[in-house]
Amino acid sequence: MVELVACDIAGTTLDDHGLVYDALENAVAATGAAVTREDVARWMGADKREAVLALLGGAAGDDEVRVVHEDFCSRLRDSYDERPPVPFDGVPELLADLRARGVRVALTTGFDRAITGPLLESVGWDEGVVDAVVCADEVAAGRPAPYMVHRAMERCGVQRVDRVVVVGDTVLDLRAGSNAGALAVVGVLTGGVATQTLGAERHTHLLDSLAGLRSVLDAL
């Protein structure tokens, strides 16, 4: 029944040590805006340009958003250079197993391609590991809009959304999966979001990590 598994990247497939939270908070705070970690957490999983605009109060101009987003990207690249992200335990084996079963695998992310490409290359996932990668700057709107899921379907040649499983570690990941009409919407707890918070969102499954997805697929 499952033809495609669409997974978020940071916090779901890759452990980035929470560095994206730090980079976004610090880039916004550098403008003089008052921002807390709780403010930032509400925008995890979103298109980072959309997150910047919201964290600046929603009234910033395009130029200011661009400058802050560029600062965020620079800070994140530096942080990743100092402490490289790594796959969560069992995830590389899971992805290989899914593709061996004939299930296509797509990665979706709130990052732009300029961040995503080097990130995946750094862990050896730039070729032959997944079937498609969809970035926030390649669709009309980021999560919770369903567009990245639908673009992943397009790139993987999957036409039925009731044969798609969406996996993510944030509230917005789950909302995007639900908005897309996915067969299963799976939350994972590896990204630091509290069980109570993720559990309060519409979902079909809640797992300790993506590595446990086999049991979900076997039951569908």
N, C-alpha and C. Protein backbone atom coordinates (compact mmCIF):
# COMPACT_ATOMS: atom_id res chain seq x y z
N MET A 1 0.82 -1.20 0.00
CA MET A 1 0.00 0.00 0.00
C MET A 1 0.85 1.26 0.00
N VAL A 2 2.06 1.20 0.55
CA VAL A 2 2.90 2.40 0.67
C VAL A 2 3.86 2.48 -0.52
N GLU A 3 3.80 3.59 -1.23
CA GLU A 3 4.70 3.80 -2.36
C GLU A 3 5.78 4.84 -2.06
N LEU A 4 5.53 5.72 -1.09
CA LEU A 4 6.46 6.80 -0.81
C LEU A 4 6.49 7.11 0.68
N VAL A 5 7.69 7.25 1.21
CA VAL A 5 7.88 7.77 2.56
C VAL A 5 8.60 9.11 2.43
N ALA A 6 7.96 10.18 2.89
CA ALA A 6 8.53 11.53 2.83
C ALA A 6 8.93 11.94 4.24
N CYS A 7 10.24 12.15 4.44
CA CYS A 7 10.78 12.43 5.77
C CYS A 7 11.39 13.82 5.83
N ASP A 8 11.19 14.46 6.94
CA ASP A 8 11.96 15.68 7.25
C ASP A 8 13.43 15.31 7.41
N ILE A 9 14.30 16.32 7.37
CA ILE A 9 15.74 16.05 7.51
C ILE A 9 16.21 16.29 8.95
N ALA A 10 16.46 17.56 9.33
CA ALA A 10 17.04 17.85 10.64
C ALA A 10 16.07 17.49 11.76
N GLY A 11 16.53 16.64 12.66
CA GLY A 11 15.69 16.21 13.77
C GLY A 11 14.94 14.94 13.51
N THR A 12 14.87 14.52 12.24
CA THR A 12 14.13 13.31 11.88
C THR A 12 15.07 12.25 11.31
N THR A 13 15.79 12.58 10.26
CA THR A 13 16.75 11.64 9.70
C THR A 13 18.17 11.94 10.17
N LEU A 14 18.48 13.22 10.34
CA LEU A 14 19.82 13.64 10.77
C LEU A 14 19.76 14.34 12.11
N ASP A 15 20.68 14.00 12.98
CA ASP A 15 20.84 14.69 14.26
C ASP A 15 21.74 15.89 14.04
N ASP A 16 21.16 17.07 14.07
CA ASP A 16 21.97 18.29 13.87
C ASP A 16 22.26 18.98 15.19
N HIS A 17 22.03 18.26 16.30
CA HIS A 17 22.41 18.71 17.64
C HIS A 17 21.67 19.99 18.05
N GLY A 18 20.54 20.25 17.40
CA GLY A 18 19.77 21.44 17.74
C GLY A 18 20.38 22.73 17.26
N LEU A 19 21.35 22.64 16.35
CA LEU A 19 22.07 23.84 15.92
C LEU A 19 21.19 24.79 15.11
N VAL A 20 20.18 24.26 14.44
CA VAL A 20 19.30 25.13 13.66
C VAL A 20 18.53 26.08 14.58
N TYR A 21 18.15 25.58 15.76
CA TYR A 21 17.48 26.45 16.73
C TYR A 21 18.38 27.62 17.11
N ASP A 22 19.64 27.29 17.43
CA ASP A 22 20.59 28.34 17.85
C ASP A 22 20.82 29.36 16.75
N ALA A 23 21.03 28.88 15.52
CA ALA A 23 21.34 29.78 14.41
C ALA A 23 20.17 30.72 14.14
N LEU A 24 18.96 30.21 14.16
CA LEU A 24 17.80 31.04 13.88
C LEU A 24 17.57 32.05 15.00
N GLU A 25 17.67 31.61 16.23
CA GLU A 25 17.48 32.53 17.36
C GLU A 25 18.52 33.64 17.34
N ASN A 26 19.78 33.28 17.10
CA ASN A 26 20.85 34.28 17.14
C ASN A 26 20.77 35.26 15.96
N ALA A 27 20.36 34.77 14.79
CA ALA A 27 20.24 35.65 13.63
C ALA A 27 19.14 36.68 13.85
N VAL A 28 18.03 36.26 14.41
CA VAL A 28 16.93 37.19 14.67
C VAL A 28 17.29 38.14 15.80
N ALA A 29 17.91 37.62 16.85
CA ALA A 29 18.28 38.45 17.99
C ALA A 29 19.30 39.52 17.60
N ALA A 30 20.13 39.23 16.60
CA ALA A 30 21.15 40.19 16.16
C ALA A 30 20.54 41.46 15.58
N THR A 31 19.27 41.41 15.19
CA THR A 31 18.58 42.59 14.67
C THR A 31 18.07 43.48 15.80
N GLY A 32 18.14 42.99 17.03
CA GLY A 32 17.59 43.72 18.15
C GLY A 32 16.20 43.27 18.53
N ALA A 33 15.63 42.35 17.76
CA ALA A 33 14.29 41.84 18.06
C ALA A 33 14.34 40.96 19.30
N ALA A 34 13.29 41.05 20.10
CA ALA A 34 13.19 40.19 21.29
C ALA A 34 12.68 38.83 20.84
N VAL A 35 13.47 37.79 21.09
CA VAL A 35 13.10 36.45 20.66
C VAL A 35 13.56 35.45 21.70
N THR A 36 12.73 34.46 21.97
CA THR A 36 13.06 33.42 22.93
C THR A 36 13.15 32.08 22.22
N ARG A 37 13.73 31.10 22.92
CA ARG A 37 13.79 29.76 22.34
C ARG A 37 12.39 29.20 22.09
N GLU A 38 11.44 29.56 22.94
CA GLU A 38 10.06 29.11 22.74
C GLU A 38 9.47 29.71 21.47
N ASP A 39 9.79 30.98 21.19
CA ASP A 39 9.33 31.60 19.95
C ASP A 39 9.87 30.84 18.74
N VAL A 40 11.16 30.53 18.79
CA VAL A 40 11.82 29.83 17.68
C VAL A 40 11.22 28.44 17.51
N ALA A 41 10.98 27.76 18.61
CA ALA A 41 10.49 26.38 18.55
C ALA A 41 9.16 26.28 17.81
N ARG A 42 8.34 27.31 17.91
CA ARG A 42 7.04 27.28 17.22
C ARG A 42 7.20 27.29 15.71
N TRP A 43 8.37 27.69 15.22
CA TRP A 43 8.59 27.78 13.78
C TRP A 43 9.53 26.71 13.24
N MET A 44 9.86 25.73 14.08
CA MET A 44 10.68 24.63 13.58
C MET A 44 9.90 23.79 12.57
N GLY A 45 10.55 23.48 11.48
CA GLY A 45 9.90 22.75 10.40
C GLY A 45 9.39 23.66 9.30
N ALA A 46 9.31 24.97 9.58
CA ALA A 46 8.78 25.91 8.59
C ALA A 46 9.87 26.32 7.60
N ASP A 47 9.43 26.88 6.48
CA ASP A 47 10.34 27.59 5.59
C ASP A 47 11.05 28.64 6.43
N LYS A 48 12.38 28.64 6.40
CA LYS A 48 13.11 29.52 7.31
C LYS A 48 12.92 31.00 6.97
N ARG A 49 12.62 31.33 5.72
CA ARG A 49 12.29 32.72 5.41
C ARG A 49 10.97 33.11 6.06
N GLU A 50 10.00 32.21 6.01
CA GLU A 50 8.73 32.47 6.66
C GLU A 50 8.92 32.59 8.17
N ALA A 51 9.79 31.76 8.72
CA ALA A 51 10.07 31.81 10.15
C ALA A 51 10.71 33.14 10.53
N VAL A 52 11.68 33.59 9.74
CA VAL A 52 12.33 34.87 10.01
C VAL A 52 11.30 36.00 10.02
N LEU A 53 10.45 36.04 9.01
CA LEU A 53 9.43 37.09 8.93
C LEU A 53 8.55 37.08 10.17
N ALA A 54 8.11 35.91 10.58
CA ALA A 54 7.24 35.80 11.74
C ALA A 54 7.96 36.24 13.02
N LEU A 55 9.21 35.83 13.17
CA LEU A 55 9.96 36.15 14.38
C LEU A 55 10.34 37.62 14.46
N LEU A 56 10.36 38.29 13.30
CA LEU A 56 10.61 39.73 13.28
C LEU A 56 9.33 40.53 13.52
N GLY A 57 8.25 39.83 13.70
CA GLY A 57 7.00 40.50 14.00
C GLY A 57 6.02 40.60 12.86
N GLY A 58 6.40 40.04 11.71
CA GLY A 58 5.49 40.00 10.57
C GLY A 58 5.43 41.25 9.74
N ALA A 59 6.18 42.28 10.13
CA ALA A 59 6.11 43.55 9.40
C ALA A 59 7.41 43.90 8.68
N ALA A 60 8.36 43.01 8.71
CA ALA A 60 9.66 43.28 8.08
C ALA A 60 9.52 43.28 6.56
N GLY A 61 10.34 44.08 5.90
CA GLY A 61 10.34 44.11 4.45
C GLY A 61 11.15 42.96 3.87
N ASP A 62 11.03 42.80 2.57
CA ASP A 62 11.72 41.70 1.90
C ASP A 62 13.23 41.78 2.09
N ASP A 63 13.78 42.98 2.02
CA ASP A 63 15.23 43.14 2.15
C ASP A 63 15.71 42.73 3.54
N GLU A 64 14.97 43.12 4.56
CA GLU A 64 15.37 42.76 5.92
C GLU A 64 15.29 41.25 6.12
N VAL A 65 14.22 40.65 5.62
CA VAL A 65 14.08 39.19 5.74
C VAL A 65 15.24 38.50 5.02
N ARG A 66 15.59 38.99 3.84
CA ARG A 66 16.69 38.38 3.08
C ARG A 66 18.00 38.47 3.85
N VAL A 67 18.28 39.62 4.43
CA VAL A 67 19.53 39.81 5.17
C VAL A 67 19.59 38.89 6.39
N VAL A 68 18.50 38.82 7.12
CA VAL A 68 18.48 37.97 8.32
C VAL A 68 18.56 36.50 7.93
N HIS A 69 17.87 36.13 6.86
CA HIS A 69 17.93 34.74 6.42
C HIS A 69 19.35 34.38 5.98
N GLU A 70 20.02 35.28 5.30
CA GLU A 70 21.41 35.02 4.89
C GLU A 70 22.31 34.88 6.11
N ASP A 71 22.06 35.70 7.13
CA ASP A 71 22.84 35.59 8.37
C ASP A 71 22.58 34.24 9.04
N PHE A 72 21.32 33.83 9.06
CA PHE A 72 20.98 32.52 9.61
C PHE A 72 21.73 31.41 8.87
N CYS A 73 21.71 31.45 7.55
CA CYS A 73 22.37 30.42 6.75
C CYS A 73 23.87 30.39 7.03
N SER A 74 24.47 31.58 7.14
CA SER A 74 25.91 31.65 7.43
C SER A 74 26.22 31.07 8.80
N ARG A 75 25.43 31.43 9.80
CA ARG A 75 25.64 30.90 11.14
C ARG A 75 25.46 29.38 11.16
N LEU A 76 24.47 28.89 10.43
CA LEU A 76 24.20 27.45 10.44
C LEU A 76 25.33 26.68 9.75
N ARG A 77 25.80 27.21 8.62
CA ARG A 77 26.92 26.55 7.93
C ARG A 77 28.15 26.48 8.84
N ASP A 78 28.45 27.57 9.53
CA ASP A 78 29.60 27.58 10.44
C ASP A 78 29.41 26.56 11.56
N SER A 79 28.20 26.50 12.08
CA SER A 79 27.92 25.55 13.17
C SER A 79 28.05 24.12 12.69
N TYR A 80 27.55 23.85 11.48
CA TYR A 80 27.66 22.50 10.92
C TYR A 80 29.10 22.13 10.63
N ASP A 81 29.91 23.10 10.25
CA ASP A 81 31.34 22.83 10.02
C ASP A 81 32.02 22.43 11.34
N GLU A 82 31.63 23.11 12.43
CA GLU A 82 32.24 22.85 13.72
C GLU A 82 31.73 21.55 14.35
N ARG A 83 30.45 21.27 14.15
CA ARG A 83 29.85 20.06 14.73
C ARG A 83 28.93 19.43 13.68
N PRO A 84 29.48 18.60 12.82
CA PRO A 84 28.71 18.07 11.69
C PRO A 84 27.51 17.23 12.13
N PRO A 85 26.38 17.38 11.45
CA PRO A 85 25.24 16.50 11.70
C PRO A 85 25.59 15.06 11.34
N VAL A 86 24.89 14.13 11.97
CA VAL A 86 25.10 12.70 11.71
C VAL A 86 23.74 12.02 11.62
N PRO A 87 23.63 10.93 10.86
CA PRO A 87 22.36 10.20 10.82
C PRO A 87 22.02 9.62 12.19
N PHE A 88 20.75 9.62 12.51
CA PHE A 88 20.31 8.93 13.72
C PHE A 88 20.55 7.43 13.57
N ASP A 89 20.76 6.78 14.68
CA ASP A 89 21.01 5.34 14.67
C ASP A 89 19.90 4.59 13.95
N GLY A 90 20.31 3.72 13.05
CA GLY A 90 19.36 2.87 12.35
C GLY A 90 18.71 3.48 11.14
N VAL A 91 18.88 4.78 10.94
CA VAL A 91 18.20 5.45 9.83
C VAL A 91 18.78 5.09 8.47
N PRO A 92 20.11 5.08 8.29
CA PRO A 92 20.63 4.67 6.97
C PRO A 92 20.16 3.28 6.57
N GLU A 93 20.13 2.36 7.54
CA GLU A 93 19.67 1.00 7.26
C GLU A 93 18.20 0.99 6.89
N LEU A 94 17.40 1.81 7.57
CA LEU A 94 15.98 1.88 7.26
C LEU A 94 15.76 2.39 5.84
N LEU A 95 16.45 3.47 5.47
CA LEU A 95 16.26 4.03 4.14
C LEU A 95 16.64 3.02 3.06
N ALA A 96 17.73 2.30 3.28
CA ALA A 96 18.14 1.29 2.32
C ALA A 96 17.11 0.17 2.23
N ASP A 97 16.55 -0.21 3.37
CA ASP A 97 15.55 -1.28 3.40
C ASP A 97 14.27 -0.86 2.68
N LEU A 98 13.85 0.38 2.89
CA LEU A 98 12.65 0.87 2.22
C LEU A 98 12.82 0.81 0.70
N ARG A 99 13.93 1.30 0.22
CA ARG A 99 14.15 1.32 -1.22
C ARG A 99 14.29 -0.09 -1.78
N ALA A 100 14.86 -1.00 -0.99
CA ALA A 100 14.97 -2.40 -1.42
C ALA A 100 13.59 -3.04 -1.53
N ARG A 101 12.63 -2.56 -0.72
CA ARG A 101 11.25 -3.05 -0.79
C ARG A 101 10.48 -2.45 -1.97
N GLY A 102 11.08 -1.47 -2.62
CA GLY A 102 10.38 -0.79 -3.70
C GLY A 102 9.65 0.44 -3.26
N VAL A 103 9.84 0.87 -2.00
CA VAL A 103 9.23 2.10 -1.50
C VAL A 103 10.18 3.26 -1.80
N ARG A 104 9.66 4.29 -2.44
CA ARG A 104 10.49 5.46 -2.72
C ARG A 104 10.64 6.30 -1.45
N VAL A 105 11.78 6.96 -1.34
CA VAL A 105 12.08 7.78 -0.17
C VAL A 105 12.40 9.19 -0.63
N ALA A 106 11.72 10.16 -0.03
CA ALA A 106 12.00 11.58 -0.31
C ALA A 106 12.31 12.29 0.99
N LEU A 107 13.20 13.25 0.91
CA LEU A 107 13.50 14.12 2.04
C LEU A 107 12.90 15.49 1.77
N THR A 108 12.24 16.06 2.79
CA THR A 108 11.69 17.40 2.68
C THR A 108 12.27 18.24 3.80
N THR A 109 12.41 19.54 3.55
CA THR A 109 13.08 20.38 4.55
C THR A 109 12.66 21.84 4.44
N GLY A 110 12.70 22.52 5.59
CA GLY A 110 12.47 23.96 5.61
C GLY A 110 13.69 24.76 5.19
N PHE A 111 14.82 24.07 4.91
CA PHE A 111 16.01 24.75 4.43
C PHE A 111 15.93 25.02 2.94
N ASP A 112 16.68 26.00 2.48
CA ASP A 112 16.86 26.22 1.05
C ASP A 112 17.83 25.18 0.51
N ARG A 113 17.88 25.08 -0.82
CA ARG A 113 18.79 24.14 -1.47
C ARG A 113 20.25 24.45 -1.14
N ALA A 114 20.57 25.73 -0.95
CA ALA A 114 21.95 26.11 -0.68
C ALA A 114 22.47 25.54 0.64
N ILE A 115 21.59 25.32 1.60
CA ILE A 115 21.97 24.67 2.85
C ILE A 115 21.86 23.15 2.71
N THR A 116 20.80 22.70 2.07
CA THR A 116 20.50 21.27 2.02
C THR A 116 21.53 20.49 1.24
N GLY A 117 21.95 21.02 0.08
CA GLY A 117 22.90 20.29 -0.74
C GLY A 117 24.18 19.94 -0.01
N PRO A 118 24.90 20.93 0.55
CA PRO A 118 26.12 20.63 1.30
C PRO A 118 25.88 19.76 2.53
N LEU A 119 24.72 19.94 3.18
CA LEU A 119 24.40 19.13 4.35
C LEU A 119 24.32 17.65 3.98
N LEU A 120 23.59 17.34 2.93
CA LEU A 120 23.46 15.94 2.52
C LEU A 120 24.78 15.39 2.00
N GLU A 121 25.53 16.22 1.32
CA GLU A 121 26.84 15.79 0.83
C GLU A 121 27.76 15.44 1.99
N SER A 122 27.67 16.18 3.09
CA SER A 122 28.56 15.96 4.22
C SER A 122 28.34 14.60 4.88
N VAL A 123 27.14 14.04 4.72
CA VAL A 123 26.88 12.71 5.31
C VAL A 123 26.83 11.63 4.23
N GLY A 124 27.19 11.99 3.01
CA GLY A 124 27.22 11.01 1.93
C GLY A 124 25.87 10.64 1.38
N TRP A 125 24.90 11.55 1.55
CA TRP A 125 23.54 11.29 1.07
C TRP A 125 23.21 12.08 -0.19
N ASP A 126 24.21 12.59 -0.88
CA ASP A 126 23.94 13.41 -2.05
C ASP A 126 23.58 12.58 -3.27
N GLU A 127 23.94 11.30 -3.29
CA GLU A 127 23.61 10.44 -4.43
C GLU A 127 23.32 9.02 -3.95
N GLY A 128 22.27 8.42 -4.52
CA GLY A 128 22.02 7.00 -4.33
C GLY A 128 21.39 6.58 -3.02
N VAL A 129 21.04 7.53 -2.15
CA VAL A 129 20.48 7.17 -0.85
C VAL A 129 18.98 7.40 -0.79
N VAL A 130 18.51 8.46 -1.44
CA VAL A 130 17.07 8.76 -1.50
C VAL A 130 16.69 9.02 -2.95
N ASP A 131 15.38 9.04 -3.19
CA ASP A 131 14.88 9.21 -4.55
C ASP A 131 14.62 10.67 -4.91
N ALA A 132 14.40 11.52 -3.91
CA ALA A 132 14.13 12.93 -4.19
C ALA A 132 14.38 13.75 -2.94
N VAL A 133 14.73 15.02 -3.15
CA VAL A 133 14.89 15.98 -2.06
C VAL A 133 14.11 17.23 -2.45
N VAL A 134 13.26 17.71 -1.56
CA VAL A 134 12.45 18.89 -1.82
C VAL A 134 12.74 19.94 -0.75
N CYS A 135 13.13 21.13 -1.19
CA CYS A 135 13.50 22.21 -0.28
C CYS A 135 12.41 23.29 -0.26
N ALA A 136 12.42 24.06 0.81
CA ALA A 136 11.36 25.05 1.01
C ALA A 136 11.35 26.12 -0.07
N ASP A 137 12.51 26.41 -0.67
CA ASP A 137 12.54 27.45 -1.70
C ASP A 137 12.11 26.94 -3.07
N GLU A 138 11.64 25.70 -3.12
CA GLU A 138 11.22 25.10 -4.39
C GLU A 138 9.70 24.94 -4.49
N VAL A 139 8.98 25.43 -3.48
CA VAL A 139 7.52 25.34 -3.49
C VAL A 139 6.93 26.70 -3.14
N ALA A 140 5.62 26.84 -3.36
CA ALA A 140 4.96 28.13 -3.15
C ALA A 140 4.91 28.54 -1.68
N ALA A 141 4.86 27.58 -0.78
CA ALA A 141 4.82 27.88 0.66
C ALA A 141 5.33 26.67 1.41
N GLY A 142 6.00 26.93 2.53
CA GLY A 142 6.50 25.84 3.36
C GLY A 142 5.42 25.27 4.26
N ARG A 143 5.83 24.36 5.12
CA ARG A 143 4.90 23.75 6.07
C ARG A 143 4.25 24.84 6.95
N PRO A 144 2.99 24.68 7.31
CA PRO A 144 2.17 23.47 7.23
C PRO A 144 1.48 23.24 5.88
N ALA A 145 1.77 24.06 4.88
CA ALA A 145 1.22 23.78 3.55
C ALA A 145 1.70 22.40 3.09
N PRO A 146 0.91 21.71 2.30
CA PRO A 146 1.26 20.34 1.89
C PRO A 146 2.15 20.27 0.66
N TYR A 147 2.63 21.40 0.18
CA TYR A 147 3.23 21.45 -1.15
C TYR A 147 4.50 20.64 -1.28
N MET A 148 5.32 20.58 -0.22
CA MET A 148 6.55 19.79 -0.33
C MET A 148 6.24 18.30 -0.45
N VAL A 149 5.21 17.84 0.25
CA VAL A 149 4.79 16.44 0.11
C VAL A 149 4.33 16.16 -1.31
N HIS A 150 3.52 17.06 -1.84
CA HIS A 150 3.01 16.87 -3.20
C HIS A 150 4.13 16.95 -4.24
N ARG A 151 5.11 17.83 -4.02
CA ARG A 151 6.24 17.91 -4.93
C ARG A 151 7.08 16.63 -4.87
N ALA A 152 7.22 16.07 -3.67
CA ALA A 152 7.93 14.80 -3.53
C ALA A 152 7.21 13.70 -4.31
N MET A 153 5.89 13.68 -4.25
CA MET A 153 5.11 12.72 -5.03
C MET A 153 5.39 12.89 -6.52
N GLU A 154 5.37 14.12 -6.96
CA GLU A 154 5.61 14.41 -8.37
C GLU A 154 6.98 13.89 -8.80
N ARG A 155 7.99 14.18 -8.00
CA ARG A 155 9.35 13.79 -8.38
C ARG A 155 9.57 12.29 -8.31
N CYS A 156 8.78 11.62 -7.48
CA CYS A 156 8.94 10.17 -7.33
C CYS A 156 7.93 9.39 -8.17
N GLY A 157 7.09 10.09 -8.92
CA GLY A 157 6.14 9.41 -9.78
C GLY A 157 5.01 8.72 -9.04
N VAL A 158 4.65 9.25 -7.87
CA VAL A 158 3.57 8.68 -7.07
C VAL A 158 2.33 9.55 -7.22
N GLN A 159 1.22 8.95 -7.58
CA GLN A 159 0.02 9.71 -7.89
C GLN A 159 -1.03 9.67 -6.79
N ARG A 160 -0.96 8.68 -5.91
CA ARG A 160 -1.99 8.52 -4.89
C ARG A 160 -1.45 8.91 -3.51
N VAL A 161 -2.02 9.96 -2.93
CA VAL A 161 -1.55 10.42 -1.64
C VAL A 161 -1.92 9.43 -0.53
N ASP A 162 -2.89 8.57 -0.78
CA ASP A 162 -3.23 7.56 0.21
C ASP A 162 -2.25 6.39 0.20
N ARG A 163 -1.16 6.55 -0.53
CA ARG A 163 -0.06 5.59 -0.49
C ARG A 163 1.25 6.26 -0.06
N VAL A 164 1.09 7.39 0.64
CA VAL A 164 2.23 8.18 1.10
C VAL A 164 2.24 8.22 2.62
N VAL A 165 3.42 8.03 3.20
CA VAL A 165 3.64 8.17 4.63
C VAL A 165 4.54 9.39 4.85
N VAL A 166 4.13 10.28 5.74
CA VAL A 166 4.89 11.48 6.06
C VAL A 166 5.43 11.37 7.48
N VAL A 167 6.73 11.66 7.64
CA VAL A 167 7.38 11.53 8.94
C VAL A 167 8.11 12.82 9.29
N GLY A 168 7.95 13.28 10.54
CA GLY A 168 8.67 14.47 10.96
C GLY A 168 8.72 14.60 12.46
N ASP A 169 9.54 15.53 12.92
CA ASP A 169 9.76 15.69 14.36
C ASP A 169 9.12 16.95 14.92
N THR A 170 8.41 17.72 14.10
CA THR A 170 7.83 18.97 14.58
C THR A 170 6.32 19.00 14.35
N VAL A 171 5.70 19.93 15.04
CA VAL A 171 4.26 20.14 14.87
C VAL A 171 3.93 20.46 13.42
N LEU A 172 4.72 21.32 12.77
CA LEU A 172 4.44 21.70 11.40
C LEU A 172 4.63 20.54 10.43
N ASP A 173 5.56 19.64 10.72
CA ASP A 173 5.70 18.43 9.90
C ASP A 173 4.40 17.63 9.90
N LEU A 174 3.84 17.45 11.08
CA LEU A 174 2.61 16.66 11.20
C LEU A 174 1.44 17.37 10.51
N ARG A 175 1.37 18.67 10.67
CA ARG A 175 0.28 19.41 10.02
C ARG A 175 0.39 19.33 8.50
N ALA A 176 1.61 19.41 7.99
CA ALA A 176 1.79 19.30 6.54
C ALA A 176 1.36 17.93 6.04
N GLY A 177 1.70 16.88 6.77
CA GLY A 177 1.27 15.54 6.38
C GLY A 177 -0.23 15.39 6.40
N SER A 178 -0.86 15.93 7.43
CA SER A 178 -2.33 15.87 7.50
C SER A 178 -2.97 16.69 6.39
N ASN A 179 -2.42 17.88 6.13
CA ASN A 179 -2.96 18.72 5.07
C ASN A 179 -2.80 18.08 3.69
N ALA A 180 -1.76 17.27 3.55
CA ALA A 180 -1.54 16.59 2.27
C ALA A 180 -2.48 15.42 2.08
N GLY A 181 -3.09 14.94 3.15
CA GLY A 181 -3.98 13.79 3.06
C GLY A 181 -3.26 12.46 3.06
N ALA A 182 -2.09 12.41 3.70
CA ALA A 182 -1.26 11.20 3.67
C ALA A 182 -1.95 10.03 4.36
N LEU A 183 -1.58 8.83 3.92
CA LEU A 183 -2.10 7.60 4.52
C LEU A 183 -1.73 7.54 6.00
N ALA A 184 -0.48 7.86 6.32
CA ALA A 184 -0.02 7.86 7.70
C ALA A 184 0.81 9.12 7.95
N VAL A 185 0.62 9.69 9.12
CA VAL A 185 1.38 10.87 9.55
C VAL A 185 2.07 10.49 10.84
N VAL A 186 3.38 10.39 10.78
CA VAL A 186 4.16 9.79 11.86
C VAL A 186 5.05 10.85 12.51
N GLY A 187 4.92 11.02 13.81
CA GLY A 187 5.80 11.90 14.55
C GLY A 187 6.92 11.12 15.19
N VAL A 188 8.12 11.69 15.21
CA VAL A 188 9.26 11.06 15.88
C VAL A 188 9.80 12.03 16.94
N LEU A 189 10.34 11.46 18.00
CA LEU A 189 10.72 12.25 19.17
C LEU A 189 12.19 12.59 19.22
N THR A 190 12.89 12.41 18.12
CA THR A 190 14.34 12.64 18.09
C THR A 190 14.70 14.12 17.94
N GLY A 191 13.74 14.97 17.64
CA GLY A 191 14.04 16.37 17.40
C GLY A 191 13.94 17.26 18.61
N GLY A 192 13.59 16.70 19.76
CA GLY A 192 13.54 17.48 20.98
C GLY A 192 12.18 18.06 21.32
N VAL A 193 11.18 17.85 20.46
CA VAL A 193 9.83 18.32 20.77
C VAL A 193 9.20 17.36 21.76
N ALA A 194 8.56 17.88 22.77
CA ALA A 194 8.00 17.05 23.83
C ALA A 194 6.92 16.11 23.30
N THR A 195 6.86 14.93 23.89
CA THR A 195 5.85 13.95 23.51
C THR A 195 4.45 14.54 23.60
N GLN A 196 4.17 15.30 24.65
CA GLN A 196 2.85 15.90 24.84
C GLN A 196 2.53 16.86 23.72
N THR A 197 3.52 17.62 23.28
CA THR A 197 3.30 18.61 22.22
C THR A 197 3.01 17.93 20.89
N LEU A 198 3.85 16.97 20.51
CA LEU A 198 3.60 16.26 19.26
C LEU A 198 2.32 15.45 19.33
N GLY A 199 2.09 14.83 20.47
CA GLY A 199 0.91 13.98 20.61
C GLY A 199 -0.40 14.75 20.51
N ALA A 200 -0.35 16.05 20.79
CA ALA A 200 -1.56 16.87 20.71
C ALA A 200 -1.95 17.19 19.29
N GLU A 201 -1.03 16.98 18.34
CA GLU A 201 -1.31 17.22 16.93
C GLU A 201 -1.94 15.98 16.29
N ARG A 202 -2.68 16.22 15.23
CA ARG A 202 -3.28 15.11 14.50
C ARG A 202 -2.16 14.24 13.92
N HIS A 203 -2.19 12.95 14.20
CA HIS A 203 -1.18 12.02 13.71
C HIS A 203 -1.76 10.61 13.73
N THR A 204 -1.05 9.69 13.08
CA THR A 204 -1.47 8.29 13.14
C THR A 204 -0.55 7.45 14.01
N HIS A 205 0.72 7.87 14.12
CA HIS A 205 1.69 7.12 14.91
C HIS A 205 2.67 8.09 15.55
N LEU A 206 3.22 7.68 16.68
CA LEU A 206 4.26 8.45 17.37
C LEU A 206 5.35 7.46 17.76
N LEU A 207 6.58 7.72 17.28
CA LEU A 207 7.68 6.79 17.48
C LEU A 207 8.84 7.46 18.21
N ASP A 208 9.63 6.64 18.87
CA ASP A 208 10.84 7.17 19.50
C ASP A 208 11.82 7.68 18.45
N SER A 209 11.90 7.00 17.31
CA SER A 209 12.80 7.41 16.25
C SER A 209 12.31 6.86 14.92
N LEU A 210 12.86 7.41 13.85
CA LEU A 210 12.51 6.95 12.50
C LEU A 210 12.88 5.50 12.28
N ALA A 211 13.88 5.02 12.99
CA ALA A 211 14.31 3.63 12.83
C ALA A 211 13.19 2.64 13.12
N GLY A 212 12.17 3.05 13.86
CA GLY A 212 11.06 2.16 14.18
C GLY A 212 9.95 2.15 13.15
N LEU A 213 10.18 2.79 12.00
CA LEU A 213 9.10 2.91 11.01
C LEU A 213 8.69 1.58 10.38
N ARG A 214 9.58 0.61 10.36
CA ARG A 214 9.24 -0.68 9.74
C ARG A 214 7.96 -1.26 10.33
N SER A 215 7.82 -1.17 11.63
CA SER A 215 6.63 -1.74 12.27
C SER A 215 5.36 -1.05 11.84
N VAL A 216 5.45 0.25 11.58
CA VAL A 216 4.30 1.00 11.08
C VAL A 216 3.92 0.53 9.68
N LEU A 217 4.92 0.43 8.81
CA LEU A 217 4.64 0.03 7.43
C LEU A 217 4.10 -1.40 7.36
N ASP A 218 4.63 -2.26 8.22
CA ASP A 218 4.17 -3.65 8.22
C ASP A 218 2.71 -3.76 8.63
N ALA A 219 2.24 -2.78 9.42
CA ALA A 219 0.85 -2.81 9.90
C ALA A 219 -0.13 -2.13 8.97
N LEU A 220 0.35 -1.41 7.97
CA LEU A 220 -0.55 -0.68 7.08
C LEU A 220 -1.10 -1.59 5.98
